[in-house]
Amino acid sequence: MSVARQGRRIEQRGLWFEEFEVGATYVHAPGRTVTEADNVLFTTLTMNTQPLHLDQAASEQLPPFHDRLVNSLFTLSTMVGLSVNQLTQGTIVANLGFSEIRFPAPVRHGDTIYAETVVTGKRPSESCPGEGVVSLRHQAVNQRGEVVALAVRQTLVRMRPGGAS
């Protein structure tokens, strides 16, 4: 069964370099609720044997949290991942680097992570024609509005093909 085509065909994608607006805040939806299974799988896949993520009995004895916490690299990956559909789906060439990564509050099993991104700068690439460098400041909060992760990311993004509008 085919769907009759009417009007323009629109495909989900990220933003071309020209579409990024410096100073704009992009709010990413939906959020992502983190489960115990997410944490255990990510932690074991990455060979992180830290009891803080895997061993409830040992973690209960460790101040100041007295509980298992979600792996902070899972939190970072999820924060960035929440931005992909809106910002870089199919338009990114590469992540050039991350800086200023911080985790002001822990993420626990059952927390929901929400993210937003501010575009802090952009410039055409000097070494890669047809591409540009976009600077992004990501922030993630939990369902209580507590900031759980921050990061600055430099990306290489494609310019609009053929200069089309």
N, C-alpha and C. Protein backbone atom coordinates (compact mmCIF):
# COMPACT_ATOMS: atom_id res chain seq x y z
N MET A 1 0.84 -1.17 0.00
CA MET A 1 0.00 0.00 0.00
C MET A 1 0.89 1.24 0.00
N SER A 2 0.66 2.11 -0.93
CA SER A 2 1.48 3.32 -0.98
C SER A 2 0.65 4.51 -0.50
N VAL A 3 1.35 5.46 0.02
CA VAL A 3 0.72 6.68 0.50
C VAL A 3 0.79 7.71 -0.61
N ALA A 4 -0.35 8.30 -0.95
CA ALA A 4 -0.36 9.31 -1.99
C ALA A 4 0.45 10.52 -1.53
N ARG A 5 1.32 11.00 -2.40
CA ARG A 5 2.16 12.15 -2.06
C ARG A 5 1.44 13.44 -2.41
N GLN A 6 1.34 14.28 -1.43
CA GLN A 6 0.77 15.60 -1.65
C GLN A 6 1.71 16.62 -1.04
N GLY A 7 2.00 17.65 -1.78
CA GLY A 7 2.85 18.70 -1.23
C GLY A 7 4.30 18.30 -1.13
N ARG A 8 5.01 19.06 -0.36
CA ARG A 8 6.45 18.90 -0.17
C ARG A 8 6.75 17.69 0.71
N ARG A 9 7.83 16.98 0.43
CA ARG A 9 8.28 15.85 1.25
C ARG A 9 9.33 16.35 2.22
N ILE A 10 9.14 16.11 3.53
CA ILE A 10 10.05 16.61 4.56
C ILE A 10 10.64 15.43 5.30
N GLU A 11 11.95 15.38 5.37
CA GLU A 11 12.65 14.31 6.07
C GLU A 11 13.28 14.86 7.35
N GLN A 12 13.17 14.08 8.46
CA GLN A 12 13.77 14.48 9.73
C GLN A 12 15.28 14.59 9.57
N ARG A 13 15.82 15.72 9.98
CA ARG A 13 17.26 15.90 9.93
C ARG A 13 17.66 16.96 10.95
N GLY A 14 18.95 17.05 11.17
CA GLY A 14 19.48 18.11 12.01
C GLY A 14 19.58 19.40 11.21
N LEU A 15 20.25 20.38 11.80
CA LEU A 15 20.38 21.69 11.17
C LEU A 15 21.63 21.75 10.30
N TRP A 16 21.50 22.41 9.14
CA TRP A 16 22.69 22.73 8.36
C TRP A 16 23.42 23.83 9.11
N PHE A 17 24.70 24.01 8.82
CA PHE A 17 25.52 25.03 9.47
C PHE A 17 24.81 26.39 9.46
N GLU A 18 24.25 26.76 8.31
CA GLU A 18 23.63 28.07 8.17
C GLU A 18 22.40 28.24 9.07
N GLU A 19 21.78 27.16 9.48
CA GLU A 19 20.56 27.23 10.27
C GLU A 19 20.81 27.40 11.77
N PHE A 20 22.02 27.12 12.22
CA PHE A 20 22.32 27.31 13.65
C PHE A 20 22.30 28.79 13.96
N GLU A 21 21.60 29.16 15.02
CA GLU A 21 21.46 30.55 15.43
C GLU A 21 22.23 30.77 16.73
N VAL A 22 23.30 31.55 16.65
CA VAL A 22 24.11 31.83 17.84
C VAL A 22 23.25 32.54 18.87
N GLY A 23 23.30 32.06 20.11
CA GLY A 23 22.52 32.62 21.20
C GLY A 23 21.17 31.95 21.40
N ALA A 24 20.75 31.15 20.44
CA ALA A 24 19.46 30.46 20.56
C ALA A 24 19.59 29.27 21.51
N THR A 25 18.52 29.01 22.27
CA THR A 25 18.45 27.83 23.13
C THR A 25 17.49 26.84 22.48
N TYR A 26 17.97 25.62 22.27
CA TYR A 26 17.16 24.56 21.71
C TYR A 26 16.77 23.62 22.86
N VAL A 27 15.48 23.44 23.07
CA VAL A 27 14.96 22.58 24.14
C VAL A 27 14.63 21.23 23.51
N HIS A 28 15.22 20.16 24.05
CA HIS A 28 15.09 18.83 23.46
C HIS A 28 14.01 18.02 24.18
N ALA A 29 13.14 17.41 23.40
CA ALA A 29 12.08 16.58 23.96
C ALA A 29 11.97 15.31 23.13
N PRO A 30 11.54 14.22 23.70
CA PRO A 30 11.16 14.06 25.11
C PRO A 30 12.37 13.85 25.99
N GLY A 31 12.14 13.77 27.29
CA GLY A 31 13.20 13.42 28.24
C GLY A 31 13.45 11.92 28.20
N ARG A 32 14.39 11.47 29.02
CA ARG A 32 14.75 10.04 29.06
C ARG A 32 14.82 9.59 30.51
N THR A 33 13.93 8.66 30.89
CA THR A 33 13.97 8.09 32.24
C THR A 33 15.01 6.98 32.26
N VAL A 34 15.90 7.04 33.24
CA VAL A 34 17.02 6.11 33.34
C VAL A 34 16.63 4.96 34.26
N THR A 35 16.82 3.74 33.78
CA THR A 35 16.50 2.55 34.57
C THR A 35 17.77 1.92 35.14
N GLU A 36 17.57 1.03 36.09
CA GLU A 36 18.69 0.27 36.63
C GLU A 36 19.36 -0.53 35.53
N ALA A 37 18.55 -1.12 34.63
CA ALA A 37 19.10 -1.91 33.53
C ALA A 37 19.99 -1.06 32.63
N ASP A 38 19.58 0.19 32.34
CA ASP A 38 20.41 1.09 31.53
C ASP A 38 21.78 1.25 32.17
N ASN A 39 21.78 1.53 33.47
CA ASN A 39 23.02 1.80 34.19
C ASN A 39 23.92 0.58 34.23
N VAL A 40 23.36 -0.58 34.56
CA VAL A 40 24.16 -1.81 34.64
C VAL A 40 24.71 -2.18 33.27
N LEU A 41 23.88 -2.09 32.23
CA LEU A 41 24.34 -2.44 30.89
C LEU A 41 25.47 -1.51 30.43
N PHE A 42 25.26 -0.20 30.54
CA PHE A 42 26.29 0.75 30.11
C PHE A 42 27.58 0.54 30.90
N THR A 43 27.45 0.37 32.20
CA THR A 43 28.62 0.22 33.06
C THR A 43 29.40 -1.04 32.72
N THR A 44 28.70 -2.15 32.49
CA THR A 44 29.41 -3.39 32.17
C THR A 44 29.94 -3.39 30.74
N LEU A 45 29.20 -2.79 29.80
CA LEU A 45 29.70 -2.71 28.42
C LEU A 45 30.99 -1.91 28.33
N THR A 46 31.14 -0.92 29.20
CA THR A 46 32.33 -0.08 29.16
C THR A 46 33.41 -0.55 30.14
N MET A 47 33.23 -1.72 30.72
CA MET A 47 34.22 -2.34 31.60
C MET A 47 34.50 -1.51 32.85
N ASN A 48 33.51 -0.76 33.29
CA ASN A 48 33.66 0.05 34.49
C ASN A 48 33.18 -0.78 35.68
N THR A 49 34.10 -1.26 36.48
CA THR A 49 33.74 -2.15 37.60
C THR A 49 33.55 -1.39 38.91
N GLN A 50 33.35 -0.09 38.82
CA GLN A 50 33.15 0.73 40.02
C GLN A 50 31.92 0.24 40.80
N PRO A 51 32.11 -0.20 42.07
CA PRO A 51 30.97 -0.66 42.88
C PRO A 51 29.87 0.40 43.04
N LEU A 52 30.22 1.66 42.93
CA LEU A 52 29.24 2.74 43.05
C LEU A 52 28.11 2.60 42.03
N HIS A 53 28.39 1.91 40.92
CA HIS A 53 27.37 1.72 39.88
C HIS A 53 26.76 0.32 39.89
N LEU A 54 27.44 -0.64 40.49
CA LEU A 54 27.03 -2.04 40.36
C LEU A 54 26.65 -2.75 41.65
N ASP A 55 27.17 -2.33 42.77
CA ASP A 55 27.06 -3.09 44.02
C ASP A 55 26.25 -2.29 45.05
N GLN A 56 24.97 -2.63 45.19
CA GLN A 56 24.10 -1.90 46.10
C GLN A 56 24.59 -1.97 47.55
N ALA A 57 24.97 -3.17 47.99
CA ALA A 57 25.40 -3.33 49.38
C ALA A 57 26.64 -2.47 49.68
N ALA A 58 27.61 -2.48 48.79
CA ALA A 58 28.82 -1.67 49.00
C ALA A 58 28.49 -0.19 48.90
N SER A 59 27.66 0.19 47.95
CA SER A 59 27.31 1.60 47.75
C SER A 59 26.56 2.18 48.94
N GLU A 60 25.73 1.37 49.59
CA GLU A 60 24.99 1.85 50.77
C GLU A 60 25.92 2.28 51.89
N GLN A 61 27.16 1.74 51.90
CA GLN A 61 28.13 2.07 52.94
C GLN A 61 28.97 3.30 52.60
N LEU A 62 28.85 3.80 51.38
CA LEU A 62 29.73 4.88 50.91
C LEU A 62 29.06 6.25 51.00
N PRO A 63 29.60 7.12 51.88
CA PRO A 63 29.07 8.49 51.93
C PRO A 63 29.52 9.24 50.67
N PRO A 64 28.88 10.27 50.25
CA PRO A 64 27.74 10.90 50.91
C PRO A 64 26.39 10.42 50.38
N PHE A 65 26.38 9.54 49.35
CA PHE A 65 25.11 9.20 48.70
C PHE A 65 24.43 7.95 49.27
N HIS A 66 25.21 6.99 49.75
CA HIS A 66 24.68 5.75 50.34
C HIS A 66 23.70 5.05 49.40
N ASP A 67 24.03 5.04 48.11
CA ASP A 67 23.18 4.42 47.11
C ASP A 67 23.98 4.28 45.83
N ARG A 68 23.55 3.38 44.95
CA ARG A 68 24.18 3.30 43.63
C ARG A 68 23.79 4.54 42.83
N LEU A 69 24.72 5.02 42.02
CA LEU A 69 24.47 6.16 41.15
C LEU A 69 24.64 5.74 39.70
N VAL A 70 23.96 6.47 38.82
CA VAL A 70 24.08 6.21 37.39
C VAL A 70 25.46 6.67 36.93
N ASN A 71 26.08 5.87 36.10
CA ASN A 71 27.40 6.16 35.53
C ASN A 71 27.36 7.54 34.87
N SER A 72 28.28 8.42 35.26
CA SER A 72 28.25 9.79 34.76
C SER A 72 28.49 9.86 33.25
N LEU A 73 29.19 8.89 32.69
CA LEU A 73 29.40 8.91 31.24
C LEU A 73 28.12 8.52 30.50
N PHE A 74 27.26 7.72 31.13
CA PHE A 74 25.93 7.47 30.58
C PHE A 74 25.13 8.77 30.58
N THR A 75 25.23 9.54 31.67
CA THR A 75 24.53 10.82 31.77
C THR A 75 25.00 11.76 30.67
N LEU A 76 26.32 11.86 30.46
CA LEU A 76 26.88 12.71 29.40
C LEU A 76 26.38 12.26 28.03
N SER A 77 26.45 10.97 27.77
CA SER A 77 26.02 10.44 26.47
C SER A 77 24.54 10.68 26.23
N THR A 78 23.73 10.53 27.27
CA THR A 78 22.29 10.75 27.12
C THR A 78 22.00 12.22 26.87
N MET A 79 22.67 13.11 27.59
CA MET A 79 22.47 14.55 27.40
C MET A 79 22.75 14.93 25.95
N VAL A 80 23.87 14.48 25.41
CA VAL A 80 24.21 14.78 24.03
C VAL A 80 23.23 14.08 23.08
N GLY A 81 22.92 12.84 23.38
CA GLY A 81 21.99 12.08 22.54
C GLY A 81 20.63 12.72 22.42
N LEU A 82 20.15 13.34 23.49
CA LEU A 82 18.85 14.00 23.45
C LEU A 82 18.82 15.15 22.44
N SER A 83 20.00 15.69 22.09
CA SER A 83 20.07 16.82 21.16
C SER A 83 20.15 16.41 19.70
N VAL A 84 20.42 15.15 19.43
CA VAL A 84 20.74 14.71 18.06
C VAL A 84 19.61 14.98 17.07
N ASN A 85 18.39 14.50 17.37
CA ASN A 85 17.31 14.67 16.39
C ASN A 85 17.11 16.13 15.99
N GLN A 86 17.20 17.01 16.94
CA GLN A 86 16.92 18.42 16.69
C GLN A 86 18.09 19.17 16.06
N LEU A 87 19.32 18.77 16.37
CA LEU A 87 20.47 19.57 15.96
C LEU A 87 21.37 18.94 14.91
N THR A 88 21.68 17.66 15.02
CA THR A 88 22.76 17.12 14.19
C THR A 88 22.42 15.84 13.41
N GLN A 89 21.18 15.40 13.43
CA GLN A 89 20.79 14.16 12.73
C GLN A 89 21.12 14.28 11.25
N GLY A 90 22.14 13.55 10.80
CA GLY A 90 22.49 13.52 9.39
C GLY A 90 23.27 14.73 8.88
N THR A 91 23.53 15.72 9.72
CA THR A 91 24.25 16.91 9.27
C THR A 91 25.63 17.05 9.91
N ILE A 92 25.88 16.29 10.97
CA ILE A 92 27.19 16.37 11.64
C ILE A 92 28.22 15.58 10.85
N VAL A 93 29.43 16.11 10.80
CA VAL A 93 30.55 15.39 10.22
C VAL A 93 31.32 14.69 11.33
N ALA A 94 31.55 15.43 12.44
CA ALA A 94 32.33 14.87 13.54
C ALA A 94 32.16 15.72 14.80
N ASN A 95 32.32 15.06 15.94
CA ASN A 95 32.53 15.78 17.19
C ASN A 95 34.01 16.11 17.24
N LEU A 96 34.34 17.38 17.44
CA LEU A 96 35.74 17.79 17.48
C LEU A 96 36.31 17.76 18.88
N GLY A 97 35.44 17.88 19.88
CA GLY A 97 35.93 17.83 21.24
C GLY A 97 34.88 18.27 22.24
N PHE A 98 35.12 17.87 23.48
CA PHE A 98 34.28 18.24 24.61
C PHE A 98 35.15 18.94 25.65
N SER A 99 34.59 19.91 26.35
CA SER A 99 35.32 20.57 27.43
C SER A 99 34.31 21.00 28.49
N GLU A 100 34.84 21.47 29.58
CA GLU A 100 34.01 21.99 30.67
C GLU A 100 32.91 21.01 31.09
N ILE A 101 33.24 19.73 31.12
CA ILE A 101 32.26 18.71 31.50
C ILE A 101 32.16 18.68 33.02
N ARG A 102 30.92 18.79 33.51
CA ARG A 102 30.69 18.76 34.96
C ARG A 102 29.41 17.99 35.27
N PHE A 103 29.38 17.42 36.46
CA PHE A 103 28.22 16.69 36.95
C PHE A 103 27.87 17.23 38.34
N PRO A 104 27.11 18.35 38.41
CA PRO A 104 26.84 19.01 39.69
C PRO A 104 25.98 18.19 40.65
N ALA A 105 25.17 17.29 40.14
CA ALA A 105 24.32 16.45 41.00
C ALA A 105 24.25 15.05 40.39
N PRO A 106 24.10 14.03 41.22
CA PRO A 106 24.05 12.67 40.70
C PRO A 106 22.72 12.34 40.04
N VAL A 107 22.75 11.34 39.17
CA VAL A 107 21.54 10.77 38.59
C VAL A 107 21.34 9.42 39.24
N ARG A 108 20.11 9.16 39.66
CA ARG A 108 19.75 7.89 40.30
C ARG A 108 18.79 7.11 39.41
N HIS A 109 18.70 5.81 39.65
CA HIS A 109 17.74 4.99 38.91
C HIS A 109 16.35 5.60 39.07
N GLY A 110 15.63 5.72 37.96
CA GLY A 110 14.29 6.29 37.99
C GLY A 110 14.24 7.78 37.70
N ASP A 111 15.39 8.46 37.69
CA ASP A 111 15.39 9.88 37.34
C ASP A 111 15.14 10.04 35.84
N THR A 112 14.52 11.15 35.47
CA THR A 112 14.32 11.49 34.06
C THR A 112 15.22 12.67 33.73
N ILE A 113 15.97 12.51 32.64
CA ILE A 113 16.90 13.54 32.20
C ILE A 113 16.27 14.33 31.06
N TYR A 114 16.32 15.65 31.19
CA TYR A 114 15.87 16.58 30.15
C TYR A 114 17.08 17.41 29.75
N ALA A 115 17.14 17.83 28.48
CA ALA A 115 18.32 18.57 28.03
C ALA A 115 17.93 19.76 27.17
N GLU A 116 18.84 20.73 27.18
CA GLU A 116 18.73 21.86 26.27
C GLU A 116 20.14 22.28 25.87
N THR A 117 20.21 22.96 24.73
CA THR A 117 21.50 23.34 24.16
C THR A 117 21.46 24.80 23.73
N VAL A 118 22.51 25.54 24.06
CA VAL A 118 22.68 26.90 23.58
C VAL A 118 23.80 26.89 22.54
N VAL A 119 23.55 27.51 21.40
CA VAL A 119 24.58 27.66 20.38
C VAL A 119 25.42 28.87 20.78
N THR A 120 26.70 28.65 21.07
CA THR A 120 27.55 29.73 21.57
C THR A 120 28.46 30.33 20.50
N GLY A 121 28.55 29.69 19.36
CA GLY A 121 29.37 30.25 18.29
C GLY A 121 29.36 29.35 17.07
N LYS A 122 29.73 29.94 15.94
CA LYS A 122 29.90 29.16 14.71
C LYS A 122 30.78 29.93 13.76
N ARG A 123 31.50 29.18 12.92
CA ARG A 123 32.37 29.78 11.92
C ARG A 123 32.60 28.77 10.81
N PRO A 124 32.78 29.23 9.59
CA PRO A 124 33.13 28.30 8.51
C PRO A 124 34.47 27.63 8.83
N SER A 125 34.60 26.38 8.46
CA SER A 125 35.85 25.66 8.67
C SER A 125 36.92 26.20 7.71
N GLU A 126 38.12 26.39 8.22
CA GLU A 126 39.22 26.84 7.38
C GLU A 126 39.83 25.69 6.58
N SER A 127 39.73 24.46 7.11
CA SER A 127 40.38 23.33 6.46
C SER A 127 39.42 22.39 5.74
N CYS A 128 38.11 22.56 5.96
CA CYS A 128 37.13 21.66 5.35
C CYS A 128 36.07 22.47 4.61
N PRO A 129 36.26 22.73 3.32
CA PRO A 129 35.26 23.50 2.56
C PRO A 129 33.90 22.81 2.62
N GLY A 130 32.84 23.61 2.72
CA GLY A 130 31.49 23.05 2.78
C GLY A 130 31.07 22.61 4.17
N GLU A 131 31.91 22.91 5.16
CA GLU A 131 31.60 22.54 6.53
C GLU A 131 31.92 23.70 7.46
N GLY A 132 31.32 23.67 8.64
CA GLY A 132 31.56 24.73 9.61
C GLY A 132 31.65 24.18 11.01
N VAL A 133 32.32 24.92 11.89
CA VAL A 133 32.48 24.54 13.29
C VAL A 133 31.38 25.23 14.09
N VAL A 134 30.62 24.45 14.85
CA VAL A 134 29.55 24.98 15.70
C VAL A 134 29.88 24.65 17.14
N SER A 135 29.81 25.65 18.01
CA SER A 135 30.07 25.47 19.44
C SER A 135 28.74 25.39 20.18
N LEU A 136 28.60 24.37 21.00
CA LEU A 136 27.35 24.10 21.71
C LEU A 136 27.61 23.98 23.21
N ARG A 137 26.70 24.52 24.01
CA ARG A 137 26.75 24.35 25.47
C ARG A 137 25.50 23.56 25.86
N HIS A 138 25.72 22.31 26.29
CA HIS A 138 24.63 21.42 26.68
C HIS A 138 24.41 21.49 28.19
N GLN A 139 23.15 21.37 28.60
CA GLN A 139 22.81 21.26 30.02
C GLN A 139 21.71 20.22 30.17
N ALA A 140 21.86 19.36 31.18
CA ALA A 140 20.83 18.37 31.50
C ALA A 140 20.34 18.60 32.91
N VAL A 141 19.04 18.46 33.10
CA VAL A 141 18.42 18.56 34.42
C VAL A 141 17.59 17.31 34.65
N ASN A 142 17.33 17.02 35.93
CA ASN A 142 16.44 15.91 36.25
C ASN A 142 15.02 16.43 36.40
N GLN A 143 14.12 15.55 36.78
CA GLN A 143 12.70 15.90 36.89
C GLN A 143 12.42 16.93 37.99
N ARG A 144 13.38 17.13 38.88
CA ARG A 144 13.24 18.14 39.94
C ARG A 144 13.88 19.47 39.54
N GLY A 145 14.42 19.54 38.32
CA GLY A 145 15.05 20.77 37.84
C GLY A 145 16.48 20.94 38.30
N GLU A 146 17.07 19.92 38.94
CA GLU A 146 18.46 19.98 39.39
C GLU A 146 19.38 19.74 38.20
N VAL A 147 20.39 20.58 38.03
CA VAL A 147 21.35 20.39 36.95
C VAL A 147 22.20 19.16 37.27
N VAL A 148 22.20 18.20 36.35
CA VAL A 148 22.95 16.96 36.57
C VAL A 148 24.16 16.82 35.64
N ALA A 149 24.21 17.63 34.57
CA ALA A 149 25.36 17.56 33.67
C ALA A 149 25.44 18.84 32.84
N LEU A 150 26.68 19.21 32.54
CA LEU A 150 27.00 20.36 31.69
C LEU A 150 28.17 19.97 30.80
N ALA A 151 28.19 20.46 29.58
CA ALA A 151 29.34 20.22 28.71
C ALA A 151 29.34 21.22 27.58
N VAL A 152 30.53 21.57 27.12
CA VAL A 152 30.71 22.36 25.92
C VAL A 152 31.22 21.41 24.85
N ARG A 153 30.63 21.51 23.66
CA ARG A 153 30.99 20.60 22.57
C ARG A 153 31.27 21.39 21.31
N GLN A 154 32.34 21.02 20.63
CA GLN A 154 32.68 21.58 19.32
C GLN A 154 32.34 20.52 18.28
N THR A 155 31.56 20.92 17.26
CA THR A 155 31.16 19.97 16.22
C THR A 155 31.54 20.52 14.85
N LEU A 156 31.74 19.61 13.93
CA LEU A 156 31.93 19.97 12.53
C LEU A 156 30.64 19.59 11.82
N VAL A 157 29.97 20.58 11.21
CA VAL A 157 28.64 20.39 10.64
C VAL A 157 28.67 20.75 9.16
N ARG A 158 27.91 19.99 8.37
CA ARG A 158 27.84 20.26 6.93
C ARG A 158 27.08 21.56 6.65
N MET A 159 27.55 22.27 5.65
CA MET A 159 26.79 23.42 5.15
C MET A 159 25.71 22.89 4.22
N ARG A 160 24.71 23.71 3.98
CA ARG A 160 23.61 23.34 3.12
C ARG A 160 24.16 22.95 1.74
N PRO A 161 23.77 21.79 1.22
CA PRO A 161 24.27 21.36 -0.09
C PRO A 161 23.89 22.34 -1.19
N GLY A 162 24.82 22.70 -2.01
CA GLY A 162 24.55 23.54 -3.16
C GLY A 162 24.05 24.93 -2.82
N GLY A 163 24.14 25.32 -1.56
CA GLY A 163 23.67 26.65 -1.16
C GLY A 163 22.17 26.82 -1.26
N ALA A 164 21.42 25.69 -1.35
CA ALA A 164 19.96 25.78 -1.45
C ALA A 164 19.37 26.37 -0.18
N SER A 165 18.22 27.00 -0.29
CA SER A 165 17.60 27.57 0.91
C SER A 165 16.53 26.68 1.47
